[in-house]
């Protein structure tokens, strides 16, 4: 008897559909709240904890880039839907 495990195959198209659906549900207010959080991370400063400051600043910059890309994805999907 074989020890092969049954592997559930992923439907790539369904996975992409889920991502697109989720992106379309994000509102401008959601983006605004997330941008405030990312800006706070970027502006974080604690002279006694420089490693934490650098880490938070890097996270803030990364999160801003992710938000820009996510908003671009949502807007691109919306343009293509109409």
C-alpha atoms as a PDB file:
ATOM      1  CA  UNK A   1       0.000   0.000   0.000  1.00  0.00           C
ATOM      2  CA  UNK A   2       1.323   3.415  -0.947  1.00  0.00           C
ATOM      3  CA  UNK A   3       1.943   6.259   1.496  1.00  0.00           C
ATOM      4  CA  UNK A   4       0.853   8.895  -1.021  1.00  0.00           C
ATOM      5  CA  UNK A   5      -1.186  11.706   0.454  1.00  0.00           C
ATOM      6  CA  UNK A   6      -4.114  13.082  -1.447  1.00  0.00           C
ATOM      7  CA  UNK A   7      -3.272  16.637  -2.344  1.00  0.00           C
ATOM      8  CA  UNK A   8      -6.113  19.040  -2.890  1.00  0.00           C
ATOM      9  CA  UNK A   9      -5.440  20.902  -6.108  1.00  0.00           C
ATOM     10  CA  UNK A  10      -5.803  24.647  -6.075  1.00  0.00           C
ATOM     11  CA  UNK A  11      -7.902  26.391  -8.664  1.00  0.00           C
ATOM     12  CA  UNK A  12      -5.658  29.288  -9.697  1.00  0.00           C
ATOM     13  CA  UNK A  13      -8.473  31.192 -11.388  1.00  0.00           C
ATOM     14  CA  UNK A  14     -10.598  30.926  -8.240  1.00  0.00           C
ATOM     15  CA  UNK A  15      -7.696  32.200  -6.119  1.00  0.00           C
ATOM     16  CA  UNK A  16      -7.274  35.240  -8.383  1.00  0.00           C
ATOM     17  CA  UNK A  17     -11.022  35.827  -8.286  1.00  0.00           C
ATOM     18  CA  UNK A  18     -10.915  35.879  -4.472  1.00  0.00           C
ATOM     19  CA  UNK A  19      -8.117  38.469  -4.496  1.00  0.00           C
ATOM     20  CA  UNK A  20      -9.980  40.661  -6.991  1.00  0.00           C
ATOM     21  CA  UNK A  21     -13.218  40.416  -4.991  1.00  0.00           C
ATOM     22  CA  UNK A  22     -11.390  41.384  -1.819  1.00  0.00           C
ATOM     23  CA  UNK A  23      -9.679  44.336  -3.543  1.00  0.00           C
ATOM     24  CA  UNK A  24     -13.028  45.607  -4.842  1.00  0.00           C
ATOM     25  CA  UNK A  25     -14.469  45.620  -1.310  1.00  0.00           C
ATOM     26  CA  UNK A  26     -11.819  48.037  -0.019  1.00  0.00           C
ATOM     27  CA  UNK A  27     -13.253  51.542   0.291  1.00  0.00           C
ATOM     28  CA  UNK A  28     -11.491  54.882   0.068  1.00  0.00           C
ATOM     29  CA  UNK A  29     -12.127  55.249   3.807  1.00  0.00           C
ATOM     30  CA  UNK A  30     -10.306  51.952   4.402  1.00  0.00           C
ATOM     31  CA  UNK A  31      -7.330  53.232   2.406  1.00  0.00           C
ATOM     32  CA  UNK A  32      -7.375  56.519   4.332  1.00  0.00           C
ATOM     33  CA  UNK A  33      -7.294  54.719   7.706  1.00  0.00           C
ATOM     34  CA  UNK A  34      -4.471  52.466   6.569  1.00  0.00           C
ATOM     35  CA  UNK A  35      -2.504  55.438   5.208  1.00  0.00           C
ATOM     36  CA  UNK A  36      -2.769  57.174   8.598  1.00  0.00           C
ATOM     37  CA  UNK A  37      -1.378  54.059  10.269  1.00  0.00           C
ATOM     38  CA  UNK A  38       1.451  53.766   7.715  1.00  0.00           C
ATOM     39  CA  UNK A  39       2.288  57.464   8.101  1.00  0.00           C
ATOM     40  CA  UNK A  40       2.481  57.029  11.882  1.00  0.00           C
ATOM     41  CA  UNK A  41       4.852  54.117  11.383  1.00  0.00           C
ATOM     42  CA  UNK A  42       6.988  56.155   8.985  1.00  0.00           C
ATOM     43  CA  UNK A  43       7.144  59.066  11.425  1.00  0.00           C
ATOM     44  CA  UNK A  44       7.767  56.981  14.560  1.00  0.00           C
ATOM     45  CA  UNK A  45      10.757  58.213  16.512  1.00  0.00           C
ATOM     46  CA  UNK A  46      12.184  57.054  19.824  1.00  0.00           C
ATOM     47  CA  UNK A  47      15.778  58.129  20.415  1.00  0.00           C
ATOM     48  CA  UNK A  48      16.175  55.469  23.107  1.00  0.00           C
ATOM     49  CA  UNK A  49      15.101  52.674  20.778  1.00  0.00           C
ATOM     50  CA  UNK A  50      16.754  53.339  17.445  1.00  0.00           C
ATOM     51  CA  UNK A  51      16.362  49.756  16.190  1.00  0.00           C
ATOM     52  CA  UNK A  52      12.615  49.954  16.818  1.00  0.00           C
ATOM     53  CA  UNK A  53      12.500  53.355  15.134  1.00  0.00           C
ATOM     54  CA  UNK A  54      14.244  52.022  12.025  1.00  0.00           C
ATOM     55  CA  UNK A  55      11.995  48.977  11.935  1.00  0.00           C
ATOM     56  CA  UNK A  56       8.798  51.037  12.274  1.00  0.00           C
ATOM     57  CA  UNK A  57       9.950  53.544   9.653  1.00  0.00           C
ATOM     58  CA  UNK A  58      10.706  50.701   7.231  1.00  0.00           C
ATOM     59  CA  UNK A  59       7.322  49.122   7.887  1.00  0.00           C
ATOM     60  CA  UNK A  60       5.596  52.433   7.246  1.00  0.00           C
ATOM     61  CA  UNK A  61       7.363  52.908   3.921  1.00  0.00           C
ATOM     62  CA  UNK A  62       6.621  49.326   2.889  1.00  0.00           C
ATOM     63  CA  UNK A  63       2.964  49.633   3.894  1.00  0.00           C
ATOM     64  CA  UNK A  64       2.609  52.830   1.843  1.00  0.00           C
ATOM     65  CA  UNK A  65       3.973  51.041  -1.241  1.00  0.00           C
ATOM     66  CA  UNK A  66       1.599  48.124  -0.640  1.00  0.00           C
ATOM     67  CA  UNK A  67      -1.357  50.488  -0.264  1.00  0.00           C
ATOM     68  CA  UNK A  68      -0.413  52.277  -3.494  1.00  0.00           C
ATOM     69  CA  UNK A  69      -0.232  48.947  -5.345  1.00  0.00           C
ATOM     70  CA  UNK A  70      -3.475  47.696  -3.824  1.00  0.00           C
ATOM     71  CA  UNK A  71      -5.318  50.888  -4.695  1.00  0.00           C
ATOM     72  CA  UNK A  72      -3.936  50.684  -8.231  1.00  0.00           C
ATOM     73  CA  UNK A  73      -5.143  47.073  -8.482  1.00  0.00           C
ATOM     74  CA  UNK A  74      -8.623  48.023  -7.287  1.00  0.00           C
ATOM     75  CA  UNK A  75      -8.836  50.975  -9.684  1.00  0.00           C
ATOM     76  CA  UNK A  76      -7.602  48.826 -12.594  1.00  0.00           C
ATOM     77  CA  UNK A  77     -10.207  46.153 -11.861  1.00  0.00           C
ATOM     78  CA  UNK A  78     -12.933  48.790 -11.652  1.00  0.00           C
ATOM     79  CA  UNK A  79     -11.926  50.313 -14.976  1.00  0.00           C
ATOM     80  CA  UNK A  80     -12.002  46.921 -16.632  1.00  0.00           C
ATOM     81  CA  UNK A  81     -15.363  46.014 -15.137  1.00  0.00           C
ATOM     82  CA  UNK A  82     -17.216  48.854 -16.845  1.00  0.00           C
END
